[in-house]
Amino acid sequence: MRKREVYTREITTCYLRSLKHTPHIADRLKSALPVIVNVAEMPEEERTQALDFISGVAYAIDGSYDQVGDNTFLFVPGSVILLDDD
């Protein structure tokens, strides 16, 4: 199967406050768009659930993610490659 080339000039930043907003992030990822997610304003008990859900979506679409700050994560679809500085 050939991967389609996607050129993205758009990155969405989402400040999650509750689990009900996680499907919006999943939809962005499924549309091949990177998303920066900040979970600092979420109740602590919901943070893990939200990150598990979003990382599962990223995995399902051959994407990946990385923590880029305190409570802040970058999720990308498979068409975007995250490079490590190290």
PDB file of N, CA and C in Angstrom:
ATOM      1  N   MET A   1       0.836  -1.176   0.000  1.00  0.00           N
ATOM      2  CA  MET A   1       0.000   0.000   0.000  1.00  0.00           C
ATOM      3  C   MET A   1       0.887   1.248   0.000  1.00  0.00           C
ATOM      4  N   ARG A   2       0.627   2.151  -0.871  1.00  0.00           N
ATOM      5  CA  ARG A   2       1.408   3.370  -0.998  1.00  0.00           C
ATOM      6  C   ARG A   2       0.853   4.440  -0.067  1.00  0.00           C
ATOM      7  N   LYS A   3       1.738   5.073   0.687  1.00  0.00           N
ATOM      8  CA  LYS A   3       1.301   6.161   1.557  1.00  0.00           C
ATOM      9  C   LYS A   3       1.086   7.411   0.728  1.00  0.00           C
ATOM     10  N   ARG A   4       0.029   8.112   1.043  1.00  0.00           N
ATOM     11  CA  ARG A   4      -0.204   9.364   0.331  1.00  0.00           C
ATOM     12  C   ARG A   4       0.641  10.461   0.958  1.00  0.00           C
ATOM     13  N   GLU A   5       1.072  11.392   0.156  1.00  0.00           N
ATOM     14  CA  GLU A   5       1.860  12.506   0.651  1.00  0.00           C
ATOM     15  C   GLU A   5       0.920  13.599   1.116  1.00  0.00           C
ATOM     16  N   VAL A   6       1.193  14.102   2.295  1.00  0.00           N
ATOM     17  CA  VAL A   6       0.366  15.161   2.860  1.00  0.00           C
ATOM     18  C   VAL A   6       1.282  16.307   3.257  1.00  0.00           C
ATOM     19  N   TYR A   7       0.964  17.482   2.796  1.00  0.00           N
ATOM     20  CA  TYR A   7       1.723  18.666   3.152  1.00  0.00           C
ATOM     21  C   TYR A   7       0.846  19.503   4.072  1.00  0.00           C
ATOM     22  N   THR A   8       1.279  19.613   5.312  1.00  0.00           N
ATOM     23  CA  THR A   8       0.477  20.290   6.317  1.00  0.00           C
ATOM     24  C   THR A   8       1.106  21.617   6.693  1.00  0.00           C
ATOM     25  N   ARG A   9       0.287  22.629   6.705  1.00  0.00           N
ATOM     26  CA  ARG A   9       0.729  23.938   7.164  1.00  0.00           C
ATOM     27  C   ARG A   9      -0.140  24.384   8.334  1.00  0.00           C
ATOM     28  N   GLU A  10      -0.819  23.446   8.907  1.00  0.00           N
ATOM     29  CA  GLU A  10      -1.755  23.759   9.978  1.00  0.00           C
ATOM     30  C   GLU A  10      -1.511  22.822  11.157  1.00  0.00           C
ATOM     31  N   ILE A  11      -1.364  23.398  12.324  1.00  0.00           N
ATOM     32  CA  ILE A  11      -1.262  22.625  13.556  1.00  0.00           C
ATOM     33  C   ILE A  11      -2.256  23.224  14.533  1.00  0.00           C
ATOM     34  N   THR A  12      -3.083  22.382  15.097  1.00  0.00           N
ATOM     35  CA  THR A  12      -4.076  22.826  16.061  1.00  0.00           C
ATOM     36  C   THR A  12      -3.520  22.674  17.467  1.00  0.00           C
ATOM     37  N   THR A  13      -3.774  23.652  18.319  1.00  0.00           N
ATOM     38  CA  THR A  13      -3.442  23.550  19.735  1.00  0.00           C
ATOM     39  C   THR A  13      -4.735  23.436  20.514  1.00  0.00           C
ATOM     40  N   CYS A  14      -4.837  22.390  21.331  1.00  0.00           N
ATOM     41  CA  CYS A  14      -6.041  22.153  22.128  1.00  0.00           C
ATOM     42  C   CYS A  14      -5.683  22.161  23.607  1.00  0.00           C
ATOM     43  N   TYR A  15      -6.429  22.923  24.366  1.00  0.00           N
ATOM     44  CA  TYR A  15      -6.298  22.943  25.818  1.00  0.00           C
ATOM     45  C   TYR A  15      -7.463  22.145  26.374  1.00  0.00           C
ATOM     46  N   LEU A  16      -7.207  20.889  26.695  1.00  0.00           N
ATOM     47  CA  LEU A  16      -8.275  20.003  27.156  1.00  0.00           C
ATOM     48  C   LEU A  16      -8.693  20.349  28.575  1.00  0.00           C
ATOM     49  N   ARG A  17     -10.001  20.394  28.774  1.00  0.00           N
ATOM     50  CA  ARG A  17     -10.548  20.612  30.107  1.00  0.00           C
ATOM     51  C   ARG A  17     -11.371  19.420  30.569  1.00  0.00           C
ATOM     52  N   SER A  18     -11.802  18.592  29.604  1.00  0.00           N
ATOM     53  CA  SER A  18     -12.577  17.395  29.956  1.00  0.00           C
ATOM     54  C   SER A  18     -12.428  16.354  28.853  1.00  0.00           C
ATOM     55  N   LEU A  19     -12.824  15.128  29.176  1.00  0.00           N
ATOM     56  CA  LEU A  19     -12.732  14.025  28.216  1.00  0.00           C
ATOM     57  C   LEU A  19     -13.640  14.215  27.011  1.00  0.00           C
ATOM     58  N   LYS A  20     -14.699  14.985  27.144  1.00  0.00           N
ATOM     59  CA  LYS A  20     -15.655  15.119  26.039  1.00  0.00           C
ATOM     60  C   LYS A  20     -15.048  15.779  24.799  1.00  0.00           C
ATOM     61  N   HIS A  21     -13.901  16.430  24.956  1.00  0.00           N
ATOM     62  CA  HIS A  21     -13.265  17.099  23.815  1.00  0.00           C
ATOM     63  C   HIS A  21     -12.247  16.218  23.085  1.00  0.00           C
ATOM     64  N   THR A  22     -11.967  15.024  23.609  1.00  0.00           N
ATOM     65  CA  THR A  22     -10.967  14.166  22.965  1.00  0.00           C
ATOM     66  C   THR A  22     -11.373  13.683  21.573  1.00  0.00           C
ATOM     67  N   PRO A  23     -12.664  13.445  21.280  1.00  0.00           N
ATOM     68  CA  PRO A  23     -13.008  13.051  19.904  1.00  0.00           C
ATOM     69  C   PRO A  23     -12.634  14.112  18.863  1.00  0.00           C
ATOM     70  N   HIS A  24     -12.675  15.383  19.238  1.00  0.00           N
ATOM     71  CA  HIS A  24     -12.277  16.458  18.318  1.00  0.00           C
ATOM     72  C   HIS A  24     -10.806  16.292  17.923  1.00  0.00           C
ATOM     73  N   ILE A  25      -9.974  15.955  18.892  1.00  0.00           N
ATOM     74  CA  ILE A  25      -8.555  15.739  18.618  1.00  0.00           C
ATOM     75  C   ILE A  25      -8.374  14.511  17.733  1.00  0.00           C
ATOM     76  N   ALA A  26      -9.113  13.458  18.027  1.00  0.00           N
ATOM     77  CA  ALA A  26      -9.050  12.241  17.206  1.00  0.00           C
ATOM     78  C   ALA A  26      -9.433  12.543  15.762  1.00  0.00           C
ATOM     79  N   ASP A  27     -10.461  13.346  15.565  1.00  0.00           N
ATOM     80  CA  ASP A  27     -10.891  13.711  14.213  1.00  0.00           C
ATOM     81  C   ASP A  27      -9.805  14.478  13.471  1.00  0.00           C
ATOM     82  N   ARG A  28      -9.114  15.374  14.157  1.00  0.00           N
ATOM     83  CA  ARG A  28      -8.026  16.126  13.520  1.00  0.00           C
ATOM     84  C   ARG A  28      -6.906  15.172  13.085  1.00  0.00           C
ATOM     85  N   LEU A  29      -6.534  14.257  13.982  1.00  0.00           N
ATOM     86  CA  LEU A  29      -5.488  13.288  13.636  1.00  0.00           C
ATOM     87  C   LEU A  29      -5.906  12.416  12.464  1.00  0.00           C
ATOM     88  N   LYS A  30      -7.157  11.950  12.465  1.00  0.00           N
ATOM     89  CA  LYS A  30      -7.642  11.103  11.368  1.00  0.00           C
ATOM     90  C   LYS A  30      -7.692  11.868  10.057  1.00  0.00           C
ATOM     91  N   SER A  31      -7.737  13.196  10.134  1.00  0.00           N
ATOM     92  CA  SER A  31      -7.697  14.033   8.932  1.00  0.00           C
ATOM     93  C   SER A  31      -6.265  14.392   8.548  1.00  0.00           C
ATOM     94  N   ALA A  32      -5.292  13.700   9.154  1.00  0.00           N
ATOM     95  CA  ALA A  32      -3.859  13.870   8.860  1.00  0.00           C
ATOM     96  C   ALA A  32      -3.323  15.231   9.293  1.00  0.00           C
ATOM     97  N   LEU A  33      -3.862  15.769  10.389  1.00  0.00           N
ATOM     98  CA  LEU A  33      -3.404  17.055  10.902  1.00  0.00           C
ATOM     99  C   LEU A  33      -2.745  16.884  12.270  1.00  0.00           C
ATOM    100  N   PRO A  34      -1.566  17.465  12.477  1.00  0.00           N
ATOM    101  CA  PRO A  34      -0.912  17.405  13.782  1.00  0.00           C
ATOM    102  C   PRO A  34      -1.690  18.214  14.823  1.00  0.00           C
ATOM    103  N   VAL A  35      -1.591  17.791  16.075  1.00  0.00           N
ATOM    104  CA  VAL A  35      -2.296  18.471  17.160  1.00  0.00           C
ATOM    105  C   VAL A  35      -1.375  18.579  18.372  1.00  0.00           C
ATOM    106  N   ILE A  36      -1.288  19.784  18.927  1.00  0.00           N
ATOM    107  CA  ILE A  36      -0.611  19.987  20.204  1.00  0.00           C
ATOM    108  C   ILE A  36      -1.695  19.957  21.271  1.00  0.00           C
ATOM    109  N   VAL A  37      -1.498  19.111  22.280  1.00  0.00           N
ATOM    110  CA  VAL A  37      -2.506  18.931  23.327  1.00  0.00           C
ATOM    111  C   VAL A  37      -1.914  19.307  24.675  1.00  0.00           C
ATOM    112  N   ASN A  38      -2.594  20.228  25.355  1.00  0.00           N
ATOM    113  CA  ASN A  38      -2.201  20.607  26.704  1.00  0.00           C
ATOM    114  C   ASN A  38      -3.274  20.101  27.653  1.00  0.00           C
ATOM    115  N   VAL A  39      -2.869  19.278  28.626  1.00  0.00           N
ATOM    116  CA  VAL A  39      -3.823  18.683  29.563  1.00  0.00           C
ATOM    117  C   VAL A  39      -3.707  19.284  30.963  1.00  0.00           C
ATOM    118  N   ALA A  40      -3.011  20.401  31.112  1.00  0.00           N
ATOM    119  CA  ALA A  40      -2.776  21.006  32.424  1.00  0.00           C
ATOM    120  C   ALA A  40      -4.071  21.399  33.128  1.00  0.00           C
ATOM    121  N   GLU A  41      -5.098  21.761  32.373  1.00  0.00           N
ATOM    122  CA  GLU A  41      -6.351  22.215  32.976  1.00  0.00           C
ATOM    123  C   GLU A  41      -7.347  21.091  33.223  1.00  0.00           C
ATOM    124  N   MET A  42      -6.961  19.863  32.901  1.00  0.00           N
ATOM    125  CA  MET A  42      -7.849  18.715  33.122  1.00  0.00           C
ATOM    126  C   MET A  42      -7.733  18.237  34.557  1.00  0.00           C
ATOM    127  N   PRO A  43      -8.819  17.673  35.081  1.00  0.00           N
ATOM    128  CA  PRO A  43      -8.691  16.994  36.371  1.00  0.00           C
ATOM    129  C   PRO A  43      -7.645  15.884  36.237  1.00  0.00           C
ATOM    130  N   GLU A  44      -6.807  15.754  37.234  1.00  0.00           N
ATOM    131  CA  GLU A  44      -5.683  14.818  37.155  1.00  0.00           C
ATOM    132  C   GLU A  44      -6.112  13.394  36.826  1.00  0.00           C
ATOM    133  N   GLU A  45      -7.247  12.959  37.361  1.00  0.00           N
ATOM    134  CA  GLU A  45      -7.698  11.586  37.131  1.00  0.00           C
ATOM    135  C   GLU A  45      -8.130  11.345  35.682  1.00  0.00           C
ATOM    136  N   GLU A  46      -8.435  12.411  34.934  1.00  0.00           N
ATOM    137  CA  GLU A  46      -8.850  12.263  33.536  1.00  0.00           C
ATOM    138  C   GLU A  46      -7.684  12.385  32.554  1.00  0.00           C
ATOM    139  N   ARG A  47      -6.569  12.929  32.983  1.00  0.00           N
ATOM    140  CA  ARG A  47      -5.431  13.142  32.077  1.00  0.00           C
ATOM    141  C   ARG A  47      -4.956  11.847  31.436  1.00  0.00           C
ATOM    142  N   THR A  48      -4.779  10.822  32.258  1.00  0.00           N
ATOM    143  CA  THR A  48      -4.291   9.545  31.732  1.00  0.00           C
ATOM    144  C   THR A  48      -5.267   8.964  30.733  1.00  0.00           C
ATOM    145  N   GLN A  49      -6.558   9.037  31.028  1.00  0.00           N
ATOM    146  CA  GLN A  49      -7.571   8.519  30.099  1.00  0.00           C
ATOM    147  C   GLN A  49      -7.509   9.257  28.770  1.00  0.00           C
ATOM    148  N   ALA A  50      -7.415  10.569  28.817  1.00  0.00           N
ATOM    149  CA  ALA A  50      -7.372  11.369  27.592  1.00  0.00           C
ATOM    150  C   ALA A  50      -6.134  11.033  26.767  1.00  0.00           C
ATOM    151  N   LEU A  51      -4.986  10.971  27.419  1.00  0.00           N
ATOM    152  CA  LEU A  51      -3.745  10.680  26.694  1.00  0.00           C
ATOM    153  C   LEU A  51      -3.726   9.259  26.156  1.00  0.00           C
ATOM    154  N   ASP A  52      -4.297   8.314  26.898  1.00  0.00           N
ATOM    155  CA  ASP A  52      -4.400   6.939  26.397  1.00  0.00           C
ATOM    156  C   ASP A  52      -5.268   6.880  25.143  1.00  0.00           C
ATOM    157  N   PHE A  53      -6.390   7.582  25.166  1.00  0.00           N
ATOM    158  CA  PHE A  53      -7.299   7.589  24.017  1.00  0.00           C
ATOM    159  C   PHE A  53      -6.627   8.204  22.788  1.00  0.00           C
ATOM    160  N   ILE A  54      -6.032   9.376  22.963  1.00  0.00           N
ATOM    161  CA  ILE A  54      -5.429  10.078  21.826  1.00  0.00           C
ATOM    162  C   ILE A  54      -4.212   9.319  21.293  1.00  0.00           C
ATOM    163  N   SER A  55      -3.395   8.764  22.187  1.00  0.00           N
ATOM    164  CA  SER A  55      -2.241   7.995  21.705  1.00  0.00           C
ATOM    165  C   SER A  55      -2.690   6.723  21.004  1.00  0.00           C
ATOM    166  N   GLY A  56      -3.818   6.151  21.412  1.00  0.00           N
ATOM    167  CA  GLY A  56      -4.377   4.991  20.715  1.00  0.00           C
ATOM    168  C   GLY A  56      -4.816   5.335  19.306  1.00  0.00           C
ATOM    169  N   VAL A  57      -5.417   6.501  19.154  1.00  0.00           N
ATOM    170  CA  VAL A  57      -5.810   6.964  17.817  1.00  0.00           C
ATOM    171  C   VAL A  57      -4.564   7.175  16.962  1.00  0.00           C
ATOM    172  N   ALA A  58      -3.548   7.812  17.535  1.00  0.00           N
ATOM    173  CA  ALA A  58      -2.301   8.035  16.789  1.00  0.00           C
ATOM    174  C   ALA A  58      -1.703   6.702  16.346  1.00  0.00           C
ATOM    175  N   TYR A  59      -1.697   5.726  17.226  1.00  0.00           N
ATOM    176  CA  TYR A  59      -1.164   4.404  16.883  1.00  0.00           C
ATOM    177  C   TYR A  59      -1.971   3.768  15.749  1.00  0.00           C
ATOM    178  N   ALA A  60      -3.283   3.883  15.826  1.00  0.00           N
ATOM    179  CA  ALA A  60      -4.155   3.258  14.826  1.00  0.00           C
ATOM    180  C   ALA A  60      -3.940   3.827  13.426  1.00  0.00           C
ATOM    181  N   ILE A  61      -3.493   5.073  13.338  1.00  0.00           N
ATOM    182  CA  ILE A  61      -3.272   5.689  12.025  1.00  0.00           C
ATOM    183  C   ILE A  61      -1.778   5.765  11.692  1.00  0.00           C
ATOM    184  N   ASP A  62      -0.977   4.924  12.361  1.00  0.00           N
ATOM    185  CA  ASP A  62       0.476   4.893  12.160  1.00  0.00           C
ATOM    186  C   ASP A  62       1.144   6.213  12.507  1.00  0.00           C
ATOM    187  N   GLY A  63       0.554   6.950  13.428  1.00  0.00           N
ATOM    188  CA  GLY A  63       1.123   8.214  13.878  1.00  0.00           C
ATOM    189  C   GLY A  63       2.019   8.012  15.082  1.00  0.00           C
ATOM    190  N   SER A  64       2.392   9.117  15.693  1.00  0.00           N
ATOM    191  CA  SER A  64       3.238   9.057  16.878  1.00  0.00           C
ATOM    192  C   SER A  64       3.003  10.302  17.719  1.00  0.00           C
ATOM    193  N   TYR A  65       3.675  10.344  18.860  1.00  0.00           N
ATOM    194  CA  TYR A  65       3.553  11.517  19.717  1.00  0.00           C
ATOM    195  C   TYR A  65       4.801  11.675  20.564  1.00  0.00           C
ATOM    196  N   ASP A  66       4.948  12.873  21.118  1.00  0.00           N
ATOM    197  CA  ASP A  66       6.080  13.159  21.988  1.00  0.00           C
ATOM    198  C   ASP A  66       5.649  14.223  22.986  1.00  0.00           C
ATOM    199  N   GLN A  67       6.184  14.137  24.194  1.00  0.00           N
ATOM    200  CA  GLN A  67       5.920  15.172  25.184  1.00  0.00           C
ATOM    201  C   GLN A  67       6.837  16.339  24.872  1.00  0.00           C
ATOM    202  N   VAL A  68       6.264  17.523  24.706  1.00  0.00           N
ATOM    203  CA  VAL A  68       7.045  18.695  24.320  1.00  0.00           C
ATOM    204  C   VAL A  68       7.119  19.744  25.426  1.00  0.00           C
ATOM    205  N   GLY A  69       6.461  19.480  26.543  1.00  0.00           N
ATOM    206  CA  GLY A  69       6.480  20.399  27.677  1.00  0.00           C
ATOM    207  C   GLY A  69       5.717  19.792  28.831  1.00  0.00           C
ATOM    208  N   ASP A  70       5.648  20.530  29.935  1.00  0.00           N
ATOM    209  CA  ASP A  70       4.865  20.062  31.071  1.00  0.00           C
ATOM    210  C   ASP A  70       3.404  19.947  30.665  1.00  0.00           C
ATOM    211  N   ASN A  71       2.867  18.753  30.742  1.00  0.00           N
ATOM    212  CA  ASN A  71       1.464  18.494  30.400  1.00  0.00           C
ATOM    213  C   ASN A  71       1.122  18.847  28.958  1.00  0.00           C
ATOM    214  N   THR A  72       2.116  18.907  28.079  1.00  0.00           N
ATOM    215  CA  THR A  72       1.896  19.274  26.682  1.00  0.00           C
ATOM    216  C   THR A  72       2.511  18.212  25.773  1.00  0.00           C
ATOM    217  N   PHE A  73       1.715  17.762  24.792  1.00  0.00           N
ATOM    218  CA  PHE A  73       2.109  16.670  23.911  1.00  0.00           C
ATOM    219  C   PHE A  73       1.818  17.045  22.465  1.00  0.00           C
ATOM    220  N   LEU A  74       2.680  16.594  21.567  1.00  0.00           N
ATOM    221  CA  LEU A  74       2.476  16.766  20.130  1.00  0.00           C
ATOM    222  C   LEU A  74       2.107  15.410  19.551  1.00  0.00           C
ATOM    223  N   PHE A  75       0.925  15.325  18.953  1.00  0.00           N
ATOM    224  CA  PHE A  75       0.454  14.108  18.281  1.00  0.00           C
ATOM    225  C   PHE A  75       0.465  14.373  16.789  1.00  0.00           C
ATOM    226  N   VAL A  76       1.032  13.435  16.033  1.00  0.00           N
ATOM    227  CA  VAL A  76       1.120  13.618  14.584  1.00  0.00           C
ATOM    228  C   VAL A  76       0.630  12.369  13.864  1.00  0.00           C
ATOM    229  N   PRO A  77       0.051  12.548  12.676  1.00  0.00           N
ATOM    230  CA  PRO A  77      -0.345  11.391  11.865  1.00  0.00           C
ATOM    231  C   PRO A  77       0.888  10.735  11.251  1.00  0.00           C
ATOM    232  N   GLY A  78       0.689   9.600  10.624  1.00  0.00           N
ATOM    233  CA  GLY A  78       1.791   8.858  10.022  1.00  0.00           C
ATOM    234  C   GLY A  78       2.522   9.603   8.926  1.00  0.00           C
ATOM    235  N   SER A  79       1.899  10.613   8.351  1.00  0.00           N
ATOM    236  CA  SER A  79       2.531  11.376   7.276  1.00  0.00           C
ATOM    237  C   SER A  79       3.550  12.385   7.791  1.00  0.00           C
ATOM    238  N   VAL A  80       3.638  12.536   9.114  1.00  0.00           N
ATOM    239  CA  VAL A  80       4.584  13.473   9.728  1.00  0.00           C
ATOM    240  C   VAL A  80       5.588  12.669  10.543  1.00  0.00           C
ATOM    241  N   ILE A  81       6.853  12.964  10.365  1.00  0.00           N
ATOM    242  CA  ILE A  81       7.905  12.249  11.086  1.00  0.00           C
ATOM    243  C   ILE A  81       8.446  13.148  12.193  1.00  0.00           C
ATOM    244  N   LEU A  82       8.445  12.627  13.416  1.00  0.00           N
ATOM    245  CA  LEU A  82       9.045  13.347  14.535  1.00  0.00           C
ATOM    246  C   LEU A  82      10.508  12.935  14.640  1.00  0.00           C
ATOM    247  N   LEU A  83      11.397  13.907  14.612  1.00  0.00           N
ATOM    248  CA  LEU A  83      12.823  13.633  14.733  1.00  0.00           C
ATOM    249  C   LEU A  83      13.285  14.014  16.130  1.00  0.00           C
ATOM    250  N   ASP A  84      14.146  13.185  16.699  1.00  0.00           N
ATOM    251  CA  ASP A  84      14.697  13.435  18.024  1.00  0.00           C
ATOM    252  C   ASP A  84      16.002  14.198  17.884  1.00  0.00           C
ATOM    253  N   ASP A  85      16.209  15.208  18.707  1.00  0.00           N
ATOM    254  CA  ASP A  85      17.441  16.003  18.670  1.00  0.00           C
ATOM    255  C   ASP A  85      18.678  15.208  19.028  1.00  0.00           C
ATOM    256  N   ASP A  86      18.512  14.167  19.820  1.00  0.00           N
ATOM    257  CA  ASP A  86      19.669  13.413  20.311  1.00  0.00           C
ATOM    258  C   ASP A  86      20.385  12.676  19.237  1.00  0.00           C
TER     259      ASP A  86
END
